[in-house]
Protein backbone atom coordinates (compact mmCIF):
# COMPACT_ATOMS: atom_id res chain seq x y z
CA UNK A 1 -0.82 80.37 -5.88
CA UNK A 2 -1.14 76.93 -4.81
CA UNK A 3 0.88 74.81 -7.06
CA UNK A 4 -0.78 71.35 -7.69
CA UNK A 5 1.25 68.57 -9.13
CA UNK A 6 -0.73 65.70 -11.03
CA UNK A 7 0.89 62.67 -11.87
CA UNK A 8 -1.00 60.09 -14.02
CA UNK A 9 -0.01 56.54 -13.58
CA UNK A 10 -0.68 54.19 -16.14
CA UNK A 11 -2.86 51.22 -14.99
CA UNK A 12 -1.29 48.13 -16.40
CA UNK A 13 -0.15 44.54 -15.56
CA UNK A 14 3.54 44.59 -15.14
CA UNK A 15 4.83 41.18 -15.73
CA UNK A 16 8.27 42.11 -15.31
CA UNK A 17 7.40 43.05 -11.69
CA UNK A 18 5.53 39.90 -11.28
CA UNK A 19 8.33 37.71 -12.45
CA UNK A 20 10.60 39.72 -10.12
CA UNK A 21 8.31 38.83 -7.28
CA UNK A 22 8.32 35.21 -8.04
CA UNK A 23 12.09 34.85 -8.19
CA UNK A 24 11.96 36.70 -4.91
CA UNK A 25 9.43 34.06 -3.41
CA UNK A 26 11.58 31.20 -4.61
CA UNK A 27 14.92 32.60 -3.51
CA UNK A 28 13.57 33.53 -0.09
CA UNK A 29 11.69 29.90 0.11
CA UNK A 30 15.05 28.27 -0.59
CA UNK A 31 16.92 30.37 1.85
CA UNK A 32 14.44 29.50 4.66
CA UNK A 33 14.35 25.90 3.85
CA UNK A 34 17.82 25.64 4.36
CA UNK A 35 17.42 27.01 7.85
CA UNK A 36 14.27 24.72 8.40
CA UNK A 37 16.42 21.64 7.34
CA UNK A 38 18.84 22.60 9.97
CA UNK A 39 16.09 23.16 12.74
CA UNK A 40 14.39 19.93 11.69
CA UNK A 41 17.54 17.74 12.08
CA UNK A 42 18.48 19.32 15.12
CA UNK A 43 15.31 18.35 16.80
CA UNK A 44 15.75 14.68 15.69
CA UNK A 45 16.76 12.44 18.71
CA UNK A 46 17.71 8.94 17.08
CA UNK A 47 18.96 7.67 20.32
CA UNK A 48 15.56 8.27 22.10
CA UNK A 49 12.46 6.24 21.83
CA UNK A 50 10.71 9.25 20.56
CA UNK A 51 13.10 9.82 17.61
CA UNK A 52 10.88 12.58 15.97
CA UNK A 53 10.91 14.44 19.20
CA UNK A 54 8.11 16.93 17.67
CA UNK A 55 9.93 17.82 14.76
CA UNK A 56 7.02 17.16 12.36
CA UNK A 57 5.07 19.62 14.10
CA UNK A 58 7.91 22.11 14.17
CA UNK A 59 8.18 21.41 10.39
CA UNK A 60 4.56 22.11 9.59
CA UNK A 61 4.89 25.53 11.64
CA UNK A 62 7.98 26.42 9.95
CA UNK A 63 6.54 25.71 6.60
CA UNK A 64 3.60 28.08 7.08
CA UNK A 65 5.95 30.93 8.44
CA UNK A 66 8.21 30.21 5.47
CA UNK A 67 5.46 30.50 3.06
CA UNK A 68 3.93 33.51 4.32
CA UNK A 69 7.37 35.47 4.83
CA UNK A 70 8.41 34.25 1.24
CA UNK A 71 5.08 35.39 -0.42
CA UNK A 72 4.97 38.73 1.63
CA UNK A 73 8.41 39.66 0.26
CA UNK A 74 7.61 38.82 -3.25
CA UNK A 75 4.33 40.58 -3.12
CA UNK A 76 6.27 43.78 -1.59
CA UNK A 77 8.95 43.76 -4.40
CA UNK A 78 6.22 43.44 -7.26
CA UNK A 79 4.11 46.10 -5.68
CA UNK A 80 7.13 48.47 -5.14
CA UNK A 81 8.39 47.98 -8.89
CA UNK A 82 4.91 47.77 -10.33
CA UNK A 83 3.95 51.25 -8.76
CA UNK A 84 0.15 50.48 -9.35
CA UNK A 85 -2.48 48.14 -8.46
CA UNK A 86 -0.62 46.54 -5.74
CA UNK A 87 -3.13 44.15 -4.54
CA UNK A 88 -3.76 42.81 -8.08
CA UNK A 89 -0.02 42.38 -8.70
CA UNK A 90 0.43 40.78 -5.36
CA UNK A 91 -2.38 38.48 -6.03
CA UNK A 92 -0.80 37.65 -9.42
CA UNK A 93 2.46 36.69 -7.74
CA UNK A 94 0.76 34.34 -5.42
CA UNK A 95 -1.31 32.67 -8.45
CA UNK A 96 1.69 32.34 -10.75
CA UNK A 97 3.90 31.09 -7.97
CA UNK A 98 1.12 28.65 -7.16
CA UNK A 99 0.83 27.04 -10.56
CA UNK A 100 4.79 27.22 -11.38
CA UNK A 101 4.95 25.16 -8.32
CA UNK A 102 2.34 22.87 -9.36
CA UNK A 103 3.54 22.35 -12.95
CA UNK A 104 7.27 22.54 -12.42
CA UNK A 105 7.45 20.74 -9.09
CA UNK A 106 9.55 23.85 -7.78
CA UNK A 107 9.43 24.05 -3.92
CA UNK A 108 8.75 27.80 -3.77
CA UNK A 109 5.78 27.24 -1.83
CA UNK A 110 6.91 24.46 0.39
CA UNK A 111 10.66 24.30 0.49
CA UNK A 112 10.81 23.68 4.10
CA UNK A 113 8.23 20.80 3.89
CA UNK A 114 10.07 19.13 0.93
CA UNK A 115 13.56 19.44 2.49
CA UNK A 116 13.36 19.56 6.31
CA UNK A 117 10.03 17.40 6.22
CA UNK A 118 11.63 14.62 4.07
CA UNK A 119 14.43 14.23 6.27
CA UNK A 120 11.92 13.88 9.18
CA UNK A 121 9.94 11.36 7.52
CA UNK A 122 12.74 9.44 6.14
CA UNK A 123 14.20 9.04 9.56
CA UNK A 124 10.52 8.25 11.28
CA UNK A 125 10.11 5.46 8.57
CA UNK A 126 13.09 3.77 10.01
CA UNK A 127 11.50 3.42 13.25
CA UNK A 128 8.57 1.48 11.62
CA UNK A 129 6.09 4.38 11.23
CA UNK A 130 3.35 3.24 9.09
CA UNK A 131 2.24 6.45 7.94
CA UNK A 132 4.20 6.34 4.54
CA UNK A 133 2.73 2.98 3.95
CA UNK A 134 -0.71 3.41 4.85
CA UNK A 135 -2.35 3.04 1.35
CA UNK A 136 -0.04 0.20 0.14
CA UNK A 137 -2.90 -2.38 0.84
CA UNK A 138 -6.03 -0.76 1.25
CA UNK A 139 -5.34 2.16 -0.99
CA UNK A 140 -4.74 -0.20 -4.11
CA UNK A 141 -8.30 -1.52 -4.49
CA UNK A 142 -8.44 -5.30 -5.78
CA UNK A 143 -4.55 -5.25 -6.44
CA UNK A 144 -3.99 -4.46 -2.83
CA UNK A 145 -6.32 -7.08 -1.47
CA UNK A 146 -4.73 -9.79 -3.80
CA UNK A 147 -1.04 -8.63 -2.45
CA UNK A 148 -2.45 -8.98 0.77
CA UNK A 149 -3.90 -12.29 0.22
CA UNK A 150 -0.89 -13.68 -1.67
CA UNK A 151 1.46 -12.42 1.27
CA UNK A 152 -0.63 -14.60 3.86
CA UNK A 153 -1.57 -17.47 1.68
CA UNK A 154 1.36 -17.63 -0.89
CA UNK A 155 3.39 -19.74 1.29
CA UNK A 156 0.80 -22.30 1.73
CA UNK A 157 1.72 -25.83 0.04
CA UNK A 158 1.64 -29.65 0.81
CA UNK A 159 4.29 -32.15 0.11
CA UNK A 160 3.11 -34.56 -2.53
CA UNK A 161 5.92 -36.94 -2.23
CA UNK A 162 5.06 -40.48 -1.04
CA UNK A 163 6.98 -43.82 -0.92
CA UNK A 164 6.02 -46.21 -3.46
CA UNK A 165 3.82 -49.27 -2.01
CA UNK A 166 6.15 -51.88 -3.71
CA UNK A 167 3.08 -53.53 -4.98
CA UNK A 168 3.69 -56.75 -7.18
CA UNK A 169 3.38 -55.87 -10.83
CA UNK A 170 0.68 -58.06 -11.37
CA UNK A 171 -1.40 -56.90 -8.53
CA UNK A 172 -0.74 -53.43 -9.38
CA UNK A 173 -1.96 -54.05 -12.96
CA UNK A 174 -5.01 -55.69 -11.52
CA UNK A 175 -5.94 -52.77 -9.26
CA UNK A 176 -5.67 -50.46 -12.44
CA UNK A 177 -7.94 -52.80 -14.54
CA UNK A 178 -10.49 -52.58 -11.78
CA UNK A 179 -11.28 -48.89 -12.67
CA UNK A 180 -12.25 -48.34 -9.09
CA UNK A 181 -10.85 -44.99 -8.08
CA UNK A 182 -9.89 -45.99 -4.43
CA UNK A 183 -8.21 -49.08 -5.55
CA UNK A 184 -5.76 -47.44 -7.97
CA UNK A 185 -2.22 -47.57 -7.06
CA UNK A 186 -1.62 -43.77 -7.38
CA UNK A 187 -4.88 -42.87 -5.69
CA UNK A 188 -3.43 -41.34 -2.29
CA UNK A 189 -0.54 -39.62 -4.27
CA UNK A 190 -3.45 -38.10 -6.48
CA UNK A 191 -5.25 -36.83 -3.49
CA UNK A 192 -2.20 -34.96 -2.26
CA UNK A 193 -1.58 -33.37 -5.73
CA UNK A 194 -5.13 -32.48 -6.09
CA UNK A 195 -5.11 -30.77 -2.63
CA UNK A 196 -1.96 -28.83 -3.76
CA UNK A 197 -3.61 -27.79 -7.18
CA UNK A 198 -6.78 -26.61 -5.27
CA UNK A 199 -4.82 -24.59 -2.90
CA UNK A 200 -2.82 -23.02 -5.64
CA UNK A 201 -6.19 -22.21 -7.53
CA UNK A 202 -7.65 -20.79 -4.64
CA UNK A 203 -4.71 -18.31 -4.24
CA UNK A 204 -4.99 -17.24 -7.95
CA UNK A 205 -8.67 -16.83 -7.59
CA UNK A 206 -7.80 -14.07 -4.74
CA UNK A 207 -6.50 -12.06 -7.84
CA UNK A 208 -9.48 -12.20 -9.76
CA UNK A 209 -12.19 -11.87 -6.96
CA UNK A 210 -10.45 -10.59 -3.88
CA UNK A 211 -13.87 -9.40 -2.58
CA UNK A 212 -15.07 -13.09 -2.49
CA UNK A 213 -11.89 -14.33 -0.25
CA UNK A 214 -13.97 -15.80 2.40
CA UNK A 215 -16.04 -17.80 0.16
CA UNK A 216 -12.87 -18.94 -1.88
CA UNK A 217 -11.17 -20.00 1.32
CA UNK A 218 -14.07 -21.79 2.86
CA UNK A 219 -14.62 -23.62 -0.70
CA UNK A 220 -10.94 -24.78 -0.37
CA UNK A 221 -11.27 -25.93 3.44
CA UNK A 222 -14.47 -27.84 2.28
CA UNK A 223 -12.85 -29.45 -0.55
CA UNK A 224 -9.53 -30.60 1.71
CA UNK A 225 -12.19 -32.03 4.36
CA UNK A 226 -13.84 -34.16 1.61
CA UNK A 227 -10.66 -35.59 0.51
CA UNK A 228 -9.68 -36.40 4.23
CA UNK A 229 -13.07 -37.96 4.72
CA UNK A 230 -12.84 -40.14 1.48
CA UNK A 231 -9.09 -41.22 2.36
CA UNK A 232 -10.50 -42.28 6.05
CA UNK A 233 -13.31 -44.57 4.60
CA UNK A 234 -10.41 -47.10 3.58
CA UNK A 235 -10.46 -49.59 1.06
CA UNK A 236 -13.47 -52.18 0.47
CA UNK A 237 -12.06 -55.65 1.13
CA UNK A 238 -14.71 -57.12 -1.00
CA UNK A 239 -13.92 -54.86 -4.06
CA UNK A 240 -9.99 -55.50 -3.58
CA UNK A 241 -10.57 -59.22 -3.44
CA UNK A 242 -12.80 -59.40 -6.45
CA UNK A 243 -10.41 -57.06 -8.51
CA UNK A 244 -7.71 -59.57 -7.62
CA UNK A 245 -9.63 -62.58 -8.53
CA UNK A 246 -10.80 -61.24 -11.79
CA UNK A 247 -7.54 -59.81 -13.14
CA UNK A 248 -4.67 -62.08 -11.72
CA UNK A 249 -4.04 -65.73 -11.48
CA UNK A 250 -3.56 -65.97 -7.71
CA UNK A 251 -4.99 -68.58 -5.55
CA UNK A 252 -7.65 -67.57 -3.05
CA UNK A 253 -5.15 -67.97 -0.28
CA UNK A 254 -2.50 -65.85 -2.00
CA UNK A 255 -5.38 -63.25 -2.84
CA UNK A 256 -6.44 -63.11 0.62
CA UNK A 257 -2.90 -62.56 1.82
CA UNK A 258 -2.18 -59.98 -0.74
CA UNK A 259 -5.58 -58.13 0.24
CA UNK A 260 -4.18 -57.78 3.74
CA UNK A 261 -0.95 -56.59 2.52
CA UNK A 262 -2.38 -54.11 0.41
CA UNK A 263 -4.82 -52.85 3.21
CA UNK A 264 -1.97 -52.60 5.64
CA UNK A 265 0.47 -50.70 3.39
CA UNK A 266 -2.71 -48.54 2.08
CA UNK A 267 -3.56 -47.60 5.60
CA UNK A 268 -0.22 -46.67 6.69
CA UNK A 269 0.23 -44.41 3.65
CA UNK A 270 -3.28 -43.02 4.43
CA UNK A 271 -2.34 -41.95 7.77
CA UNK A 272 0.45 -39.71 6.18
CA UNK A 273 -1.72 -38.34 3.62
CA UNK A 274 -4.47 -37.63 6.09
CA UNK A 275 -1.80 -35.93 8.56
CA UNK A 276 -0.75 -33.70 5.75
CA UNK A 277 -4.11 -32.62 4.67
CA UNK A 278 -4.92 -31.89 8.29
CA UNK A 279 -1.87 -29.85 8.77
CA UNK A 280 -2.59 -27.79 5.38
CA UNK A 281 -6.29 -27.15 6.76
CA UNK A 282 -4.78 -25.87 10.07
CA UNK A 283 -2.50 -23.79 8.28
CA UNK A 284 -5.39 -22.38 6.06
CA UNK A 285 -7.20 -21.58 9.22
CA UNK A 286 -4.66 -19.79 10.70
CA UNK A 287 -3.76 -17.89 7.56
CA UNK A 288 -7.70 -17.02 7.34
CA UNK A 289 -7.61 -15.57 10.69
CA UNK A 290 -4.43 -13.66 9.86
CA UNK A 291 -5.75 -12.57 6.61
CA UNK A 292 -9.07 -11.13 8.36
CA UNK A 293 -6.76 -9.40 11.04
CA UNK A 294 -4.91 -7.73 8.11
CA UNK A 295 -7.70 -6.66 6.11
CA UNK A 296 -9.07 -5.14 9.21
CA UNK A 297 -5.80 -3.14 9.82
CA UNK A 298 -5.94 -2.24 6.34
CA UNK A 299 -9.29 -0.64 6.44
CA UNK A 300 -8.51 1.07 9.87
CA UNK A 301 -5.18 2.54 8.34
CA UNK A 302 -7.14 3.53 5.11
CA UNK A 303 -9.77 5.34 7.19
CA UNK A 304 -7.15 7.01 9.23
CA UNK A 305 -5.32 7.99 5.99
CA UNK A 306 -8.58 9.45 4.35
CA UNK A 307 -9.17 11.41 7.37
CA UNK A 308 -5.51 12.70 7.67
CA UNK A 309 -5.66 13.69 3.91
CA UNK A 310 -9.07 15.58 4.48
CA UNK A 311 -7.68 17.43 7.20
CA UNK A 312 -4.44 18.15 5.39
CA UNK A 313 -6.31 19.41 2.32
CA UNK A 314 -8.57 21.76 4.68
CA UNK A 315 -5.62 23.38 6.21
CA UNK A 316 -3.73 23.57 2.95
CA UNK A 317 -6.72 25.60 1.69
CA UNK A 318 -6.75 28.08 4.52
CA UNK A 319 -2.85 28.24 4.34
CA UNK A 320 -2.98 28.94 0.65
CA UNK A 321 -5.91 31.69 1.28
CA UNK A 322 -3.96 33.28 3.75
CA UNK A 323 -1.06 33.33 1.38
CA UNK A 324 -3.15 35.13 -1.28
CA UNK A 325 -4.25 37.73 1.34
CA UNK A 326 -0.64 38.21 2.74
CA UNK A 327 0.57 38.51 -1.01
CA UNK A 328 -2.14 41.03 -1.94
CA UNK A 329 -1.72 43.16 1.15
CA UNK A 330 2.15 42.93 0.70
CA UNK A 331 1.85 44.33 -2.92
CA UNK A 332 -0.30 47.15 -1.69
CA UNK A 333 2.10 48.05 0.93
CA UNK A 334 4.99 47.87 -1.81
CA UNK A 335 2.95 50.45 -3.93
CA UNK A 336 2.45 52.78 -1.01
CA UNK A 337 6.10 53.08 -0.57
CA UNK A 338 6.72 53.70 -4.40
CA UNK A 339 8.48 57.24 -4.87
CA UNK A 340 6.01 58.33 -7.41
CA UNK A 341 3.01 57.55 -5.18
CA UNK A 342 4.74 59.65 -2.39
CA UNK A 343 5.19 62.53 -4.67
CA UNK A 344 1.55 62.23 -5.72
CA UNK A 345 0.44 62.34 -2.23
CA UNK A 346 2.60 65.31 -1.55
C-alpha cells in the first residue's frame, strides 16, 4: 500500500512575514552602509589633485550591490516564513520597502548612497565641484536669473558728490529764475543723481522682467550716453548773459566777467561728471559681458543637469526593476526551503 501524504497549504498574504522581511532589508542595508562608508572614505585622497579618486563610481556600484543583497535577504526571509506564494510575498516586501523609504525617508533602499555618498559629495564640494549647485541659477527660473543679474549689476553705482561751484548768491538766484535746465546751479549734480537712479531702477527691473535683461541694460546705456552728450554741449553764453542781465543788477562788464567765471567752473565740473558717467558706462558694458557669460554657463550647467537627472532616473528604474525581480525570486527560493514544502514534495 502506497502511503500518500497530502498537506493543504492555505493561500494567504502573511503580513507578519512581510514585515519581518522589511526589517531584514533595513537591518542589512544599514549594516552594508556602514561598510560602504568605510570603503568610500578610504578611497578619498584629500592630498591629491583627484580628491574623489573614483569613490563616486565605487559608491554607485556598492549601492546597487547592497540594494540587491538587502532585498534578496528580505525576500528570502519572507518566503521562508510565509511558506506559500513566495514570489508574491517577495514582491510585496520590495513594494512596501520602497513606499516606506519614500514616505518615511528611511535609507533602507539606499543606505550606502545616503551615508558614504554624502561623505564623498561633501568632500568633493570642497574642491569647487559645481554638481551640487547646478540648478542654483538656471534651475530657479526668473528668480535665478534675477539673482544672477543682481550678483553682476548689484555693485554698480556712481558717486553723486560734487564740490559747490561757490556762485555768488545773486548770480545763483538769477540762474534759478532763468528756468533754463542747463543753467540751474544743481544741473550737473542732478545729472549724476539721475544716472544713479536710472541704474538702480534698471537693476530692479531685472527682477520683474529678467527675460528682457538685454533690452533693460541697453536702455540704461542709452540714457547714460544721452546725459553725457547733454553735458558735453556746454552752456550757451548768450542765454547765460541774458539771464544775468534780466535778474541781477550787474553792469555789462561785471556780467561778462561772471559769465566767464561760471563757464570755467562749469566746464571743470562737467569734466568730472562726464568722466564718472563714462566710467559707469564702461562698468556696465563689462558687467553685460559677464552677465551674458554667466547666463550661458548657467544654461550649459542646466542642460548637463537635466541630462544627468534623466540618466540617473533611467538607471534607477532599471535598478528598482531588478530589485523587484530579485526579491520575488528570493521569496520563491525561501518558500522552497520551507519544511512543510519539503514534506509535501516527499
